[in-house]
Amino acid sequence: MTITHRGACLCGSVTYELCGEFQSFYLCHCHHCQKDTGSAHAANLFANGQLTWLSGEWDVKIYQHANSCHVKSFCHHCGSAVPTTVNGWVMVPAGSLDSAVDIAPTAKIFMASAADWSKCLADVASYADNATG
């Protein structure tokens, strides 16, 4: 049975389908991932599968950071991260998926670079929806 996942960018210009299973799911805390997400880490799934652009393939831009293997594909309209191919693997930003994922994170990586504020979040208040006070 082939598993199919679908996803899109924030504005909906870029949509994709991935046929295949996710092999790993990394929460990467390296400085490059912090910068390109604007957050504590990137959440990327890796699959040995077939990526098909359903719409907006020409709206996808690719950024390769100089002197590194750090690559990011994104919608040039809204800036949302979308899948890219790295060393034969399809790397899928977890937040771009519209379908459910049946794999838990494999590991947190580059924790030596993690932002101090992101290390102890267990006691931070959580809300199901936007809290208004």
N, C-alpha and C. Protein backbone atom coordinates (compact mmCIF):
# COMPACT_ATOMS: atom_id res chain seq x y z
N MET A 1 0.84 -1.18 0.00
CA MET A 1 0.00 0.00 0.00
C MET A 1 0.89 1.25 0.00
N THR A 2 0.63 2.13 -0.93
CA THR A 2 1.38 3.37 -1.01
C THR A 2 0.65 4.44 -0.21
N ILE A 3 1.39 5.13 0.65
CA ILE A 3 0.82 6.20 1.45
C ILE A 3 0.99 7.51 0.70
N THR A 4 -0.08 8.30 0.66
CA THR A 4 -0.04 9.59 -0.03
C THR A 4 -0.30 10.70 0.98
N HIS A 5 0.55 11.70 0.94
CA HIS A 5 0.40 12.88 1.79
C HIS A 5 0.22 14.08 0.88
N ARG A 6 -0.58 15.04 1.34
CA ARG A 6 -0.78 16.29 0.59
C ARG A 6 -0.47 17.47 1.47
N GLY A 7 -0.07 18.56 0.83
CA GLY A 7 0.23 19.77 1.57
C GLY A 7 0.21 20.99 0.67
N ALA A 8 0.43 22.15 1.30
CA ALA A 8 0.38 23.42 0.56
C ALA A 8 1.11 24.50 1.34
N CYS A 9 1.36 25.59 0.66
CA CYS A 9 1.91 26.78 1.31
C CYS A 9 0.76 27.55 1.98
N LEU A 10 1.08 28.59 2.69
CA LEU A 10 0.07 29.37 3.41
C LEU A 10 -0.95 30.01 2.47
N CYS A 11 -0.51 30.57 1.35
CA CYS A 11 -1.44 31.26 0.46
C CYS A 11 -2.17 30.31 -0.49
N GLY A 12 -1.74 29.05 -0.55
CA GLY A 12 -2.40 28.06 -1.40
C GLY A 12 -1.93 28.03 -2.84
N SER A 13 -0.97 28.86 -3.20
CA SER A 13 -0.47 28.86 -4.58
C SER A 13 0.27 27.58 -4.92
N VAL A 14 1.02 27.06 -3.94
CA VAL A 14 1.80 25.85 -4.16
C VAL A 14 1.13 24.69 -3.42
N THR A 15 0.79 23.65 -4.17
CA THR A 15 0.25 22.44 -3.56
C THR A 15 1.06 21.25 -4.06
N TYR A 16 1.12 20.22 -3.24
CA TYR A 16 1.94 19.07 -3.60
C TYR A 16 1.35 17.79 -3.05
N GLU A 17 1.88 16.70 -3.58
CA GLU A 17 1.51 15.36 -3.12
C GLU A 17 2.80 14.56 -3.00
N LEU A 18 2.91 13.80 -1.95
CA LEU A 18 4.05 12.93 -1.75
C LEU A 18 3.54 11.50 -1.63
N CYS A 19 4.03 10.63 -2.50
CA CYS A 19 3.70 9.22 -2.41
C CYS A 19 4.89 8.51 -1.80
N GLY A 20 4.70 7.99 -0.61
CA GLY A 20 5.77 7.31 0.10
C GLY A 20 5.61 7.47 1.58
N GLU A 21 6.42 6.74 2.32
CA GLU A 21 6.37 6.79 3.78
C GLU A 21 7.49 7.64 4.33
N PHE A 22 7.22 8.32 5.44
CA PHE A 22 8.24 9.09 6.11
C PHE A 22 9.15 8.14 6.88
N GLN A 23 10.45 8.31 6.70
CA GLN A 23 11.45 7.47 7.36
C GLN A 23 11.94 8.08 8.66
N SER A 24 11.97 9.42 8.70
CA SER A 24 12.45 10.11 9.90
C SER A 24 11.82 11.49 10.00
N PHE A 25 11.88 12.04 11.21
CA PHE A 25 11.25 13.32 11.52
C PHE A 25 12.16 14.02 12.52
N TYR A 26 12.87 15.04 12.07
CA TYR A 26 13.84 15.72 12.91
C TYR A 26 13.41 17.13 13.28
N LEU A 27 13.61 17.47 14.53
CA LEU A 27 13.43 18.84 15.01
C LEU A 27 14.85 19.40 15.09
N CYS A 28 15.21 20.23 14.12
CA CYS A 28 16.58 20.71 13.99
C CYS A 28 16.74 22.08 14.62
N HIS A 29 17.63 22.16 15.59
CA HIS A 29 17.87 23.39 16.34
C HIS A 29 19.14 24.12 15.89
N CYS A 30 19.68 23.79 14.71
CA CYS A 30 20.89 24.46 14.24
C CYS A 30 20.59 25.94 13.96
N HIS A 31 21.64 26.74 13.91
CA HIS A 31 21.46 28.18 13.68
C HIS A 31 20.81 28.47 12.33
N HIS A 32 21.15 27.68 11.31
CA HIS A 32 20.54 27.91 9.99
C HIS A 32 19.03 27.71 10.05
N CYS A 33 18.59 26.63 10.70
CA CYS A 33 17.15 26.37 10.80
C CYS A 33 16.44 27.41 11.67
N GLN A 34 17.10 27.90 12.71
CA GLN A 34 16.51 28.96 13.51
C GLN A 34 16.30 30.21 12.66
N LYS A 35 17.29 30.55 11.86
CA LYS A 35 17.19 31.76 11.03
C LYS A 35 16.13 31.60 9.95
N ASP A 36 16.12 30.45 9.26
CA ASP A 36 15.18 30.36 8.14
C ASP A 36 13.74 30.11 8.55
N THR A 37 13.51 29.65 9.80
CA THR A 37 12.13 29.51 10.28
C THR A 37 11.69 30.69 11.13
N GLY A 38 12.67 31.44 11.67
CA GLY A 38 12.33 32.51 12.59
C GLY A 38 11.82 31.96 13.92
N SER A 39 12.16 30.73 14.22
CA SER A 39 11.67 30.08 15.43
C SER A 39 12.78 29.27 16.09
N ALA A 40 12.39 28.44 17.04
CA ALA A 40 13.36 27.66 17.81
C ALA A 40 13.99 26.54 16.99
N HIS A 41 13.23 25.97 16.05
CA HIS A 41 13.73 24.84 15.27
C HIS A 41 12.90 24.65 14.02
N ALA A 42 13.44 23.88 13.11
CA ALA A 42 12.69 23.42 11.95
C ALA A 42 12.15 22.03 12.29
N ALA A 43 11.00 21.70 11.75
CA ALA A 43 10.40 20.39 11.93
C ALA A 43 10.27 19.77 10.54
N ASN A 44 11.22 18.90 10.19
CA ASN A 44 11.27 18.35 8.84
C ASN A 44 11.17 16.84 8.84
N LEU A 45 10.32 16.34 7.95
CA LEU A 45 10.15 14.91 7.72
C LEU A 45 10.94 14.51 6.48
N PHE A 46 11.48 13.31 6.48
CA PHE A 46 12.26 12.82 5.35
C PHE A 46 11.62 11.55 4.81
N ALA A 47 11.45 11.51 3.48
CA ALA A 47 10.83 10.36 2.83
C ALA A 47 11.64 9.94 1.62
N ASN A 48 11.59 8.66 1.36
CA ASN A 48 12.12 8.12 0.12
C ASN A 48 10.88 7.88 -0.72
N GLY A 49 10.43 8.93 -1.41
CA GLY A 49 9.18 8.85 -2.13
C GLY A 49 9.17 9.75 -3.34
N GLN A 50 8.01 9.85 -3.95
CA GLN A 50 7.84 10.64 -5.17
C GLN A 50 7.08 11.92 -4.85
N LEU A 51 7.72 13.07 -5.07
CA LEU A 51 7.10 14.38 -4.87
C LEU A 51 6.51 14.85 -6.19
N THR A 52 5.24 15.24 -6.16
CA THR A 52 4.56 15.76 -7.34
C THR A 52 3.96 17.12 -7.00
N TRP A 53 4.29 18.12 -7.79
CA TRP A 53 3.69 19.44 -7.61
C TRP A 53 2.32 19.42 -8.27
N LEU A 54 1.27 19.71 -7.51
CA LEU A 54 -0.08 19.75 -8.05
C LEU A 54 -0.41 21.12 -8.62
N SER A 55 0.17 22.16 -8.02
CA SER A 55 0.03 23.52 -8.54
C SER A 55 1.18 24.37 -8.03
N GLY A 56 1.50 25.41 -8.77
CA GLY A 56 2.47 26.39 -8.33
C GLY A 56 3.92 26.00 -8.39
N GLU A 57 4.26 24.97 -9.15
CA GLU A 57 5.66 24.55 -9.21
C GLU A 57 6.59 25.71 -9.58
N TRP A 58 6.13 26.60 -10.43
CA TRP A 58 6.97 27.74 -10.87
C TRP A 58 7.03 28.83 -9.81
N ASP A 59 6.20 28.74 -8.78
CA ASP A 59 6.25 29.70 -7.68
C ASP A 59 7.23 29.27 -6.58
N VAL A 60 7.81 28.08 -6.71
CA VAL A 60 8.75 27.56 -5.72
C VAL A 60 10.15 28.09 -6.02
N LYS A 61 10.74 28.70 -5.02
CA LYS A 61 12.12 29.18 -5.12
C LYS A 61 12.96 28.34 -4.17
N ILE A 62 14.23 28.17 -4.51
CA ILE A 62 15.13 27.37 -3.69
C ILE A 62 16.29 28.24 -3.23
N TYR A 63 16.56 28.19 -1.93
CA TYR A 63 17.70 28.89 -1.35
C TYR A 63 18.70 27.85 -0.86
N GLN A 64 19.91 27.93 -1.36
CA GLN A 64 21.02 27.07 -0.91
C GLN A 64 21.98 27.96 -0.16
N HIS A 65 22.14 27.71 1.14
CA HIS A 65 23.04 28.54 1.94
C HIS A 65 24.49 28.26 1.54
N ALA A 66 25.25 29.32 1.33
CA ALA A 66 26.64 29.19 0.87
C ALA A 66 27.47 28.30 1.79
N ASN A 67 28.29 27.48 1.19
CA ASN A 67 29.24 26.62 1.90
C ASN A 67 28.58 25.70 2.93
N SER A 68 27.36 25.24 2.63
CA SER A 68 26.68 24.31 3.53
C SER A 68 25.74 23.42 2.72
N CYS A 69 25.16 22.43 3.37
CA CYS A 69 24.15 21.59 2.71
C CYS A 69 22.74 22.05 3.09
N HIS A 70 22.64 23.24 3.70
CA HIS A 70 21.35 23.76 4.14
C HIS A 70 20.58 24.31 2.93
N VAL A 71 19.42 23.72 2.68
CA VAL A 71 18.58 24.09 1.54
C VAL A 71 17.17 24.36 2.04
N LYS A 72 16.54 25.36 1.47
CA LYS A 72 15.14 25.64 1.80
C LYS A 72 14.40 25.98 0.52
N SER A 73 13.27 25.31 0.30
CA SER A 73 12.38 25.66 -0.80
C SER A 73 11.19 26.38 -0.20
N PHE A 74 10.70 27.40 -0.92
CA PHE A 74 9.62 28.21 -0.38
C PHE A 74 8.78 28.81 -1.49
N CYS A 75 7.54 29.16 -1.16
CA CYS A 75 6.64 29.85 -2.09
C CYS A 75 7.09 31.30 -2.19
N HIS A 76 7.30 31.78 -3.40
CA HIS A 76 7.77 33.16 -3.53
C HIS A 76 6.66 34.18 -3.27
N HIS A 77 5.41 33.74 -3.18
CA HIS A 77 4.31 34.67 -2.85
C HIS A 77 4.22 34.91 -1.34
N CYS A 78 4.17 33.83 -0.55
CA CYS A 78 3.93 33.97 0.89
C CYS A 78 5.14 33.62 1.75
N GLY A 79 6.17 33.02 1.17
CA GLY A 79 7.38 32.69 1.93
C GLY A 79 7.32 31.38 2.69
N SER A 80 6.21 30.67 2.62
CA SER A 80 6.07 29.40 3.35
C SER A 80 7.04 28.35 2.83
N ALA A 81 7.60 27.59 3.76
CA ALA A 81 8.47 26.48 3.39
C ALA A 81 7.64 25.37 2.73
N VAL A 82 8.19 24.80 1.68
CA VAL A 82 7.58 23.68 0.96
C VAL A 82 8.65 22.62 0.76
N PRO A 83 8.27 21.42 0.34
CA PRO A 83 9.26 20.35 0.21
C PRO A 83 10.41 20.67 -0.75
N THR A 84 11.48 19.98 -0.50
CA THR A 84 12.65 20.07 -1.37
C THR A 84 13.32 18.71 -1.39
N THR A 85 14.17 18.48 -2.37
CA THR A 85 14.90 17.23 -2.45
C THR A 85 16.34 17.47 -2.02
N VAL A 86 16.81 16.65 -1.08
CA VAL A 86 18.16 16.77 -0.54
C VAL A 86 18.82 15.40 -0.54
N ASN A 87 19.88 15.27 -1.29
CA ASN A 87 20.65 14.01 -1.34
C ASN A 87 19.76 12.79 -1.59
N GLY A 88 18.80 12.92 -2.50
CA GLY A 88 17.93 11.80 -2.85
C GLY A 88 16.73 11.61 -1.95
N TRP A 89 16.62 12.39 -0.89
CA TRP A 89 15.48 12.32 0.03
C TRP A 89 14.56 13.51 -0.23
N VAL A 90 13.27 13.31 -0.02
CA VAL A 90 12.33 14.42 -0.06
C VAL A 90 12.19 14.92 1.37
N MET A 91 12.54 16.18 1.58
CA MET A 91 12.43 16.80 2.90
C MET A 91 11.14 17.64 2.91
N VAL A 92 10.25 17.31 3.84
CA VAL A 92 8.94 17.95 3.90
C VAL A 92 8.82 18.73 5.21
N PRO A 93 8.64 20.05 5.13
CA PRO A 93 8.38 20.82 6.35
C PRO A 93 7.05 20.34 6.95
N ALA A 94 7.09 19.89 8.20
CA ALA A 94 5.90 19.29 8.82
C ALA A 94 4.70 20.22 8.79
N GLY A 95 4.92 21.51 8.99
CA GLY A 95 3.81 22.45 9.02
C GLY A 95 3.15 22.68 7.68
N SER A 96 3.76 22.23 6.60
CA SER A 96 3.16 22.41 5.26
C SER A 96 2.17 21.31 4.92
N LEU A 97 2.14 20.25 5.72
CA LEU A 97 1.25 19.13 5.43
C LEU A 97 -0.20 19.44 5.77
N ASP A 98 -1.10 18.99 4.93
CA ASP A 98 -2.53 19.07 5.20
C ASP A 98 -3.05 17.72 5.69
N SER A 99 -2.30 16.67 5.46
CA SER A 99 -2.69 15.34 5.90
C SER A 99 -1.98 14.99 7.20
N ALA A 100 -2.56 14.05 7.93
CA ALA A 100 -2.00 13.64 9.22
C ALA A 100 -0.71 12.86 9.02
N VAL A 101 0.15 12.93 10.02
CA VAL A 101 1.43 12.23 10.00
C VAL A 101 1.38 11.15 11.08
N ASP A 102 1.81 9.96 10.72
CA ASP A 102 1.76 8.86 11.69
C ASP A 102 3.13 8.53 12.29
N ILE A 103 4.06 9.47 12.22
CA ILE A 103 5.38 9.27 12.78
C ILE A 103 5.65 10.38 13.81
N ALA A 104 6.17 9.99 14.95
CA ALA A 104 6.56 10.97 15.97
C ALA A 104 7.96 11.46 15.66
N PRO A 105 8.34 12.62 16.18
CA PRO A 105 9.72 13.06 15.94
C PRO A 105 10.73 11.99 16.33
N THR A 106 11.71 11.81 15.46
CA THR A 106 12.77 10.83 15.66
C THR A 106 13.78 11.33 16.67
N ALA A 107 14.14 12.62 16.53
CA ALA A 107 15.15 13.20 17.42
C ALA A 107 15.15 14.71 17.31
N LYS A 108 15.62 15.34 18.37
CA LYS A 108 15.96 16.76 18.36
C LYS A 108 17.45 16.79 18.05
N ILE A 109 17.82 17.54 17.02
CA ILE A 109 19.23 17.57 16.64
C ILE A 109 19.81 18.97 16.76
N PHE A 110 21.13 19.04 16.88
CA PHE A 110 21.88 20.28 17.07
C PHE A 110 21.41 21.03 18.32
N MET A 111 21.15 20.27 19.39
CA MET A 111 20.69 20.87 20.65
C MET A 111 21.72 21.81 21.27
N ALA A 112 22.98 21.65 20.94
CA ALA A 112 24.01 22.57 21.46
C ALA A 112 23.76 23.99 20.95
N SER A 113 23.07 24.13 19.82
CA SER A 113 22.75 25.44 19.25
C SER A 113 21.36 25.94 19.65
N ALA A 114 20.61 25.15 20.40
CA ALA A 114 19.23 25.51 20.73
C ALA A 114 19.15 26.81 21.51
N ALA A 115 18.13 27.60 21.20
CA ALA A 115 17.88 28.85 21.93
C ALA A 115 17.55 28.51 23.38
N ASP A 116 18.13 29.23 24.31
CA ASP A 116 17.89 28.96 25.73
C ASP A 116 16.42 28.95 26.09
N TRP A 117 15.64 29.87 25.50
CA TRP A 117 14.23 29.97 25.85
C TRP A 117 13.42 28.78 25.37
N SER A 118 13.98 27.96 24.47
CA SER A 118 13.22 26.84 23.92
C SER A 118 13.47 25.52 24.65
N LYS A 119 14.34 25.52 25.63
CA LYS A 119 14.74 24.27 26.28
C LYS A 119 13.78 23.79 27.36
N CYS A 120 13.07 24.67 28.02
CA CYS A 120 12.19 24.28 29.13
C CYS A 120 10.80 24.87 28.91
N LEU A 121 10.02 24.22 28.08
CA LEU A 121 8.69 24.74 27.75
C LEU A 121 7.55 23.99 28.42
N ALA A 122 7.86 22.98 29.21
CA ALA A 122 6.82 22.16 29.83
C ALA A 122 5.89 22.96 30.74
N ASP A 123 6.39 24.02 31.37
CA ASP A 123 5.57 24.79 32.31
C ASP A 123 4.89 26.01 31.68
N VAL A 124 5.07 26.20 30.39
CA VAL A 124 4.45 27.34 29.71
C VAL A 124 2.97 27.03 29.50
N ALA A 125 2.10 28.00 29.76
CA ALA A 125 0.66 27.81 29.61
C ALA A 125 0.32 27.42 28.16
N SER A 126 -0.67 26.56 28.01
CA SER A 126 -1.14 26.11 26.69
C SER A 126 -2.62 26.39 26.57
N TYR A 127 -3.04 26.79 25.37
CA TYR A 127 -4.45 27.12 25.11
C TYR A 127 -4.88 26.41 23.82
N ALA A 128 -6.10 25.94 23.79
CA ALA A 128 -6.61 25.28 22.60
C ALA A 128 -6.81 26.26 21.45
N ASP A 129 -7.18 27.49 21.76
CA ASP A 129 -7.39 28.55 20.78
C ASP A 129 -6.67 29.79 21.25
N ASN A 130 -6.75 30.84 20.46
CA ASN A 130 -6.11 32.10 20.82
C ASN A 130 -6.65 32.63 22.15
N ALA A 131 -5.76 32.84 23.10
CA ALA A 131 -6.16 33.36 24.42
C ALA A 131 -6.29 34.88 24.31
N THR A 132 -7.38 35.39 24.82
CA THR A 132 -7.60 36.85 24.73
C THR A 132 -7.55 37.50 26.10
N GLY A 133 -6.89 36.88 27.04
CA GLY A 133 -6.74 37.55 28.33
C GLY A 133 -7.22 36.84 29.45
